[in-house]
Amino acid sequence: MEKKRIAVIFGGKSSEHEVSRVSASYIISVIPQDKYEIYTIGITKKGRWFLYSGDTAAIADGSWENHPDNKTAFIAPAPSVHGMVVIDGQGNSSVIKLDVIFPVLHGKNGEDGTIQGLFEMSALPYVGCGVLASSACMDKIVTNIMLDYAGIDQAGFVWFTAYDYKKDPQSCIDKVEKAMSYPVFVKPANAGSSVGITKAHDRSEFLRAVEVAAAEDTRILVEENIIGKEIECAVIGNEQPFASVLGEIAPSAEFYDYDAKYKSNASKLFIPARIDEKLTALVKETAVKAYKALGCEGLSRVDFFVTEDGSVKLNEINTLPGFTSISMYPKLMAESGKAGSELIEELISLAFERADRNV
């Protein structure tokens, strides 16, 4: 059987560049090489695209950028090309046809619908959510508004623009303090993986938190503090999503921030989560409901708070969750019987399935 050609894209300009590299290294290592011819495209922090043909280990540590055989490469938006254009050191171009793309890109320009739009224009199948779902789930304000409309319980929230805050900070402060009490979480609307998020315990901390969030985005979300267990559910599928065994996180920090997610092993993970069967069923049901409401396909990780009184509140949806050694998505799927190459193959199959449906 002729091998399918798959391009794995990693890196990117986002604040999650390093995590993307580690995730890509794992994914590349478990793609069945007897079925797929793998091409790796790295995007530097400055936004330069290269076809990389060296050792996979160099992707994780970042040294791939210095490989002497790197060639400028990009996905062609024209469907007639159906692949990528490669330019050598002498300026000569060639085309490599592709069958499918696996964008292992977290955060801005990778998980927010922008690169998904390029894939749609190229008419190439790709792993993960489409343009609208990626964009909607990346924008925390849009996510909350859509979840509200779908009748899905979540933390109370208000939002405002950085411009409006700068123009009249007191009205924004009043808006927040009228709606909720401290502590509150202050978040940029668009920034991946807890980047720019601060827990503010009083007004002075709130003022500093707004500055931190405004450095990441022009729109700012403020959410009430929910006390409860942090529960995560991995979802896979297109029209018929499958919800995994649940996981529980006991963060080592005050909340599950970027370092706790990707750099530290100090946070404790419990799989399955320490909640009863009734709550487990409700979390899974809500995860699938939210996945469908936001138009997700392929995969997403849906995060919740479960309070002592049994309330289930959705926290966020990640359309391209981490695939590092300490990442919850692959751990939950493995516990649910979808591990390693089997999981990756299913994700690739879902990409082809969606492309065939949309022809």
Protein backbone atom coordinates (compact mmCIF):
# COMPACT_ATOMS: atom_id res chain seq x y z
CA MET A 1 0.00 0.00 0.00
CA GLU A 2 1.32 3.42 -0.96
CA LYS A 3 2.14 5.62 1.99
CA LYS A 4 0.10 8.75 2.66
CA ARG A 5 2.07 11.97 2.87
CA ILE A 6 1.54 13.88 6.11
CA ALA A 7 2.99 17.26 7.06
CA VAL A 8 3.44 17.93 10.76
CA ILE A 9 3.69 21.67 11.43
CA PHE A 10 5.23 22.85 14.70
CA GLY A 11 6.58 25.93 16.46
CA GLY A 12 4.92 29.21 15.54
CA LYS A 13 5.02 32.79 16.75
CA SER A 14 2.83 32.25 19.81
CA SER A 15 3.85 32.24 23.46
CA GLU A 16 3.43 28.45 23.37
CA HIS A 17 6.16 27.89 20.78
CA GLU A 18 8.25 25.66 23.05
CA VAL A 19 5.30 23.49 24.05
CA SER A 20 4.40 23.04 20.40
CA ARG A 21 7.87 21.67 19.68
CA VAL A 22 7.63 19.11 22.48
CA SER A 23 4.12 18.08 21.45
CA ALA A 24 5.24 17.68 17.84
CA SER A 25 8.18 15.49 18.87
CA TYR A 26 5.81 13.11 20.61
CA ILE A 27 3.31 13.02 17.77
CA ILE A 28 5.99 12.43 15.13
CA SER A 29 7.40 9.57 17.20
CA VAL A 30 4.09 7.68 17.19
CA ILE A 31 2.91 8.24 13.61
CA PRO A 32 3.13 4.79 11.98
CA GLN A 33 5.98 5.13 9.49
CA ASP A 34 4.85 2.07 7.55
CA LYS A 35 1.68 3.96 6.60
CA TYR A 36 2.80 7.59 6.42
CA GLU A 37 5.66 9.48 4.82
CA ILE A 38 6.29 12.28 7.33
CA TYR A 39 7.34 15.81 6.41
CA THR A 40 8.09 18.28 9.21
CA ILE A 41 7.56 22.00 8.77
CA GLY A 42 8.94 24.23 11.51
CA ILE A 43 7.85 27.82 12.07
CA THR A 44 10.30 30.01 13.99
CA LYS A 45 9.28 32.58 16.58
CA LYS A 46 9.87 35.21 13.90
CA GLY A 47 7.43 33.46 11.59
CA ARG A 48 9.85 31.87 9.10
CA TRP A 49 8.74 28.52 7.66
CA PHE A 50 11.23 25.73 6.94
CA LEU A 51 11.06 22.16 5.73
CA TYR A 52 13.12 20.32 8.33
CA SER A 53 14.59 16.88 7.59
CA GLY A 54 16.79 16.26 10.62
CA ASP A 55 16.47 14.27 13.82
CA THR A 56 13.16 14.55 15.71
CA ALA A 57 14.98 15.13 19.02
CA ALA A 58 16.25 18.48 17.71
CA ILE A 59 12.66 19.69 17.36
CA ALA A 60 12.02 19.45 21.10
CA ASP A 61 15.16 21.35 22.14
CA GLY A 62 14.89 23.97 19.40
CA SER A 63 18.20 23.19 17.68
CA TRP A 64 16.31 22.19 14.50
CA GLU A 65 16.49 25.84 13.40
CA ASN A 66 20.25 25.53 12.81
CA HIS A 67 20.08 22.46 10.58
CA PRO A 68 22.08 23.11 7.38
CA ASP A 69 19.55 21.36 5.15
CA ASN A 70 16.58 23.53 6.17
CA LYS A 71 14.71 24.86 3.15
CA THR A 72 12.10 27.59 3.00
CA ALA A 73 8.70 25.95 2.60
CA PHE A 74 5.04 26.87 2.88
CA ILE A 75 1.61 25.40 2.30
CA ALA A 76 0.27 26.67 -1.01
CA PRO A 77 -3.21 28.24 -0.71
CA ALA A 78 -4.06 27.19 -4.27
CA PRO A 79 -6.00 23.87 -4.33
CA SER A 80 -4.35 22.97 -7.64
CA VAL A 81 -1.00 22.65 -5.86
CA HIS A 82 -2.41 20.38 -3.11
CA GLY A 83 0.73 20.52 -1.05
CA MET A 84 3.71 22.64 -0.13
CA VAL A 85 6.15 24.73 -2.10
CA VAL A 86 9.82 24.22 -1.22
CA ILE A 87 12.53 26.74 -2.15
CA ASP A 88 16.19 25.71 -2.08
CA GLY A 89 19.25 27.86 -1.40
CA GLN A 90 19.54 28.86 -5.07
CA GLY A 91 15.95 30.09 -5.20
CA ASN A 92 14.65 27.10 -7.16
CA SER A 93 11.17 25.95 -6.20
CA SER A 94 9.55 22.53 -6.21
CA VAL A 95 6.24 21.11 -5.03
CA ILE A 96 5.68 18.25 -2.59
CA LYS A 97 2.16 16.88 -2.79
CA LEU A 98 0.48 16.20 0.55
CA ASP A 99 -2.45 14.08 1.66
CA VAL A 100 -3.07 15.50 5.14
CA ILE A 101 -1.71 18.06 7.62
CA PHE A 102 -1.29 17.72 11.38
CA PRO A 103 -0.90 21.24 12.79
CA VAL A 104 0.74 20.79 16.18
CA LEU A 105 0.44 24.48 16.94
CA HIS A 106 -0.83 25.93 20.20
CA GLY A 107 -2.10 29.45 20.77
CA LYS A 108 -2.18 32.40 18.40
CA ASN A 109 -1.77 31.77 14.66
CA GLY A 110 -2.05 28.04 15.22
CA GLU A 111 -5.10 27.27 17.31
CA ASP A 112 -7.21 30.32 16.55
CA GLY A 113 -8.53 29.60 13.06
CA THR A 114 -5.94 31.58 11.12
CA ILE A 115 -3.84 28.68 9.83
CA GLN A 116 -6.98 26.55 9.53
CA GLY A 117 -8.18 29.12 6.99
CA LEU A 118 -5.03 28.49 4.96
CA PHE A 119 -5.70 24.75 5.03
CA GLU A 120 -9.27 25.30 3.87
CA MET A 121 -8.04 27.40 0.94
CA SER A 122 -5.51 24.70 0.04
CA ALA A 123 -8.25 22.02 0.09
CA LEU A 124 -5.99 19.81 2.21
CA PRO A 125 -7.45 17.63 4.99
CA TYR A 126 -6.14 18.62 8.42
CA VAL A 127 -6.35 17.34 11.97
CA GLY A 128 -8.40 19.27 14.48
CA CYS A 129 -11.18 21.83 14.61
CA GLY A 130 -12.15 24.03 11.69
CA VAL A 131 -11.89 27.79 11.31
CA LEU A 132 -14.97 28.85 13.27
CA ALA A 133 -14.60 26.45 16.21
CA SER A 134 -10.88 27.20 16.51
CA SER A 135 -11.50 30.94 16.51
CA ALA A 136 -14.47 30.80 18.88
CA CYS A 137 -12.72 28.57 21.42
CA MET A 138 -9.54 30.66 21.34
CA ASP A 139 -11.46 33.81 22.19
CA LYS A 140 -12.51 33.40 25.82
CA ILE A 141 -15.18 36.10 25.60
CA VAL A 142 -16.80 34.58 22.52
CA THR A 143 -16.60 31.13 24.13
CA ASN A 144 -18.41 32.35 27.25
CA ILE A 145 -21.11 34.09 25.23
CA MET A 146 -21.73 30.98 23.13
CA LEU A 147 -21.77 28.72 26.18
CA ASP A 148 -24.29 31.04 27.84
CA TYR A 149 -26.53 30.79 24.77
CA ALA A 150 -26.21 26.99 24.82
CA GLY A 151 -27.31 26.89 28.46
CA ILE A 152 -24.02 25.54 29.76
CA ASP A 153 -23.12 26.56 33.31
CA GLN A 154 -19.88 28.50 33.82
CA ALA A 155 -18.33 31.15 36.03
CA GLY A 156 -19.93 34.59 36.10
CA PHE A 157 -18.06 37.02 33.85
CA VAL A 158 -17.79 40.55 32.54
CA TRP A 159 -15.54 41.94 29.84
CA PHE A 160 -14.26 45.23 28.49
CA THR A 161 -11.70 46.51 26.01
CA ALA A 162 -8.26 47.78 26.94
CA TYR A 163 -9.18 51.02 25.15
CA ASP A 164 -12.28 51.53 27.27
CA TYR A 165 -10.32 50.74 30.43
CA LYS A 166 -7.65 53.26 29.56
CA LYS A 167 -10.31 55.86 28.75
CA ASP A 168 -12.41 55.29 31.88
CA PRO A 169 -10.87 52.76 34.30
CA GLN A 170 -13.32 53.49 37.09
CA SER A 171 -16.37 52.44 35.07
CA CYS A 172 -14.67 49.12 34.26
CA ILE A 173 -13.74 48.62 37.92
CA ASP A 174 -17.31 49.40 38.97
CA LYS A 175 -18.64 46.95 36.39
CA VAL A 176 -16.50 44.17 37.83
CA GLU A 177 -17.07 44.94 41.51
CA LYS A 178 -20.82 45.21 40.99
CA ALA A 179 -20.95 41.79 39.35
CA MET A 180 -18.62 39.80 41.63
CA SER A 181 -16.42 39.91 44.69
CA TYR A 182 -12.69 39.35 44.96
CA PRO A 183 -10.76 37.24 44.22
CA VAL A 184 -11.35 37.30 40.47
CA PHE A 185 -9.48 35.97 37.46
CA VAL A 186 -8.36 38.52 34.89
CA LYS A 187 -7.65 37.09 31.45
CA PRO A 188 -6.75 38.32 27.98
CA ALA A 189 -9.51 37.26 25.57
CA ASN A 190 -7.00 35.71 23.18
CA ALA A 191 -3.89 34.08 24.58
CA GLY A 192 -3.25 30.39 24.94
CA SER A 193 -2.57 28.17 27.90
CA SER A 194 -3.02 30.49 30.89
CA VAL A 195 -0.67 33.13 29.44
CA GLY A 196 -1.46 36.58 30.81
CA ILE A 197 -3.92 35.27 33.42
CA THR A 198 -3.79 36.63 36.98
CA LYS A 199 -5.76 35.87 40.10
CA ALA A 200 -6.51 39.22 41.72
CA HIS A 201 -7.41 39.21 45.42
CA ASP A 202 -8.22 42.91 45.75
CA ARG A 203 -8.52 46.10 43.74
CA SER A 204 -4.80 46.88 43.70
CA GLU A 205 -4.00 43.42 42.36
CA PHE A 206 -6.83 43.81 39.86
CA LEU A 207 -5.26 46.99 38.47
CA ARG A 208 -1.95 45.20 37.93
CA ALA A 209 -3.73 42.17 36.45
CA VAL A 210 -5.45 44.31 33.84
CA GLU A 211 -2.07 45.64 32.72
CA VAL A 212 -0.76 42.07 32.38
CA ALA A 213 -3.80 40.97 30.36
CA ALA A 214 -3.75 44.10 28.19
CA ALA A 215 -0.17 43.27 27.17
CA GLU A 216 -1.53 40.11 25.52
CA ASP A 217 -4.77 41.31 23.95
CA THR A 218 -7.02 44.34 23.40
CA ARG A 219 -10.03 42.71 25.11
CA ILE A 220 -10.09 41.61 28.74
CA LEU A 221 -12.26 39.03 30.47
CA VAL A 222 -12.89 38.98 34.22
CA GLU A 223 -14.35 35.85 35.79
CA GLU A 224 -15.52 35.05 39.29
CA ASN A 225 -13.41 32.67 41.34
CA ILE A 226 -14.86 29.16 41.44
CA ILE A 227 -13.77 26.89 44.30
CA GLY A 228 -13.86 23.29 43.24
CA LYS A 229 -12.00 20.36 41.78
CA GLU A 230 -10.36 20.96 38.40
CA ILE A 231 -11.65 18.24 36.09
CA GLU A 232 -10.64 17.65 32.49
CA CYS A 233 -12.25 15.61 29.74
CA ALA A 234 -10.65 14.67 26.43
CA VAL A 235 -13.07 14.58 23.50
CA ILE A 236 -12.47 13.05 20.07
CA GLY A 237 -14.69 12.75 17.01
CA ASN A 238 -16.67 14.62 14.39
CA GLU A 239 -20.45 14.16 14.36
CA GLN A 240 -20.34 11.54 17.12
CA PRO A 241 -17.89 12.76 19.77
CA PHE A 242 -16.43 10.38 22.33
CA ALA A 243 -15.73 11.64 25.88
CA SER A 244 -12.81 10.09 27.73
CA VAL A 245 -12.25 8.95 31.27
CA LEU A 246 -12.01 12.09 33.40
CA GLY A 247 -8.88 13.47 34.97
CA GLU A 248 -8.44 15.68 38.02
CA ILE A 249 -5.68 18.19 38.63
CA ALA A 250 -4.46 19.29 42.04
CA PRO A 251 -2.36 22.31 40.98
CA SER A 252 0.98 22.95 42.66
CA ALA A 253 0.45 26.69 42.13
CA GLU A 254 -2.56 28.78 43.15
CA PHE A 255 -4.08 27.87 39.81
CA TYR A 256 -3.12 25.62 36.90
CA ASP A 257 -0.85 28.11 35.14
CA TYR A 258 1.53 27.72 32.18
CA ASP A 259 4.43 26.34 34.24
CA ALA A 260 2.19 23.84 36.01
CA LYS A 261 0.79 22.63 32.69
CA TYR A 262 4.03 22.19 30.78
CA LYS A 263 7.18 22.63 32.87
CA SER A 264 6.54 21.24 36.34
CA ASN A 265 5.65 17.77 37.55
CA ALA A 266 4.63 19.12 40.96
CA SER A 267 0.88 19.21 40.21
CA LYS A 268 -0.85 15.94 41.04
CA LEU A 269 -3.01 14.20 38.44
CA PHE A 270 -5.75 11.76 39.36
CA ILE A 271 -7.09 9.46 36.66
CA PRO A 272 -9.94 8.74 36.99
CA ALA A 273 -11.08 11.93 38.72
CA ARG A 274 -12.19 11.64 42.34
CA ILE A 275 -15.86 12.38 41.74
CA ASP A 276 -18.87 10.07 41.86
CA GLU A 277 -20.51 8.32 38.89
CA LYS A 278 -23.38 10.80 38.64
CA LEU A 279 -21.05 13.80 38.43
CA THR A 280 -18.76 11.93 36.05
CA ALA A 281 -21.68 11.32 33.70
CA LEU A 282 -22.75 14.98 33.92
CA VAL A 283 -19.24 16.25 33.11
CA LYS A 284 -18.97 13.95 30.09
CA GLU A 285 -22.43 14.91 28.87
CA THR A 286 -21.63 18.62 29.25
CA ALA A 287 -18.28 18.22 27.51
CA VAL A 288 -19.94 16.68 24.46
CA LYS A 289 -22.72 19.30 24.52
CA ALA A 290 -20.18 22.14 24.55
CA TYR A 291 -18.05 20.43 21.86
CA LYS A 292 -21.08 20.31 19.58
CA ALA A 293 -22.35 23.78 20.47
CA LEU A 294 -19.03 25.35 19.48
CA GLY A 295 -18.73 23.26 16.31
CA CYS A 296 -15.63 21.35 17.40
CA GLU A 297 -14.37 18.43 15.34
CA GLY A 298 -11.35 16.18 15.54
CA LEU A 299 -10.32 16.79 19.13
CA SER A 300 -10.56 19.16 22.07
CA ARG A 301 -9.92 19.09 25.79
CA VAL A 302 -12.79 20.45 27.86
CA ASP A 303 -11.97 21.74 31.35
CA PHE A 304 -14.38 22.08 34.29
CA PHE A 305 -14.74 23.01 37.91
CA VAL A 306 -16.82 20.65 40.06
CA THR A 307 -17.87 22.33 43.31
CA GLU A 308 -18.64 20.75 46.68
CA ASP A 309 -22.38 21.23 46.14
CA GLY A 310 -22.20 19.23 42.89
CA SER A 311 -22.26 22.10 40.40
CA VAL A 312 -20.45 21.47 37.13
CA LYS A 313 -19.05 24.66 35.60
CA LEU A 314 -17.21 24.67 32.29
CA ASN A 315 -13.90 26.56 32.43
CA GLU A 316 -12.49 26.43 28.90
CA ILE A 317 -12.13 24.41 25.70
CA ASN A 318 -8.72 23.80 24.11
CA THR A 319 -8.95 22.81 20.45
CA LEU A 320 -5.33 21.67 20.17
CA PRO A 321 -4.32 20.54 23.68
CA GLY A 322 -0.76 19.72 24.63
CA PHE A 323 0.78 16.36 23.73
CA THR A 324 3.78 16.51 26.08
CA SER A 325 4.79 13.78 28.55
CA ILE A 326 2.73 15.43 31.30
CA SER A 327 -0.23 16.51 29.13
CA MET A 328 -3.69 15.41 30.17
CA TYR A 329 -5.21 14.80 26.72
CA PRO A 330 -3.03 11.82 25.68
CA LYS A 331 -3.10 10.48 29.24
CA LEU A 332 -6.92 10.49 29.33
CA MET A 333 -7.22 8.97 25.89
CA ALA A 334 -4.73 6.23 26.80
CA GLU A 335 -6.79 5.45 29.89
CA SER A 336 -9.83 5.26 27.61
CA GLY A 337 -8.19 2.71 25.30
CA LYS A 338 -6.81 5.09 22.67
CA ALA A 339 -3.08 5.27 23.19
CA GLY A 340 -0.05 6.31 21.13
CA SER A 341 -0.21 5.54 17.43
CA GLU A 342 -3.82 4.36 17.68
CA LEU A 343 -4.91 7.78 18.92
CA ILE A 344 -2.90 9.63 16.27
CA GLU A 345 -4.23 7.38 13.50
CA GLU A 346 -7.80 8.03 14.63
CA LEU A 347 -7.21 11.79 14.57
CA ILE A 348 -5.80 11.55 11.05
CA SER A 349 -8.75 9.38 9.95
CA LEU A 350 -11.16 12.00 11.32
CA ALA A 351 -9.39 14.62 9.20
CA PHE A 352 -9.96 12.56 6.05
CA GLU A 353 -13.56 11.85 7.09
CA ARG A 354 -14.37 15.53 7.45
CA ALA A 355 -12.67 16.39 4.16
CA ASP A 356 -14.65 13.71 2.31
CA ARG A 357 -17.87 14.98 3.87
CA ASN A 358 -17.17 18.57 2.82
CA VAL A 359 -16.31 17.81 -0.81
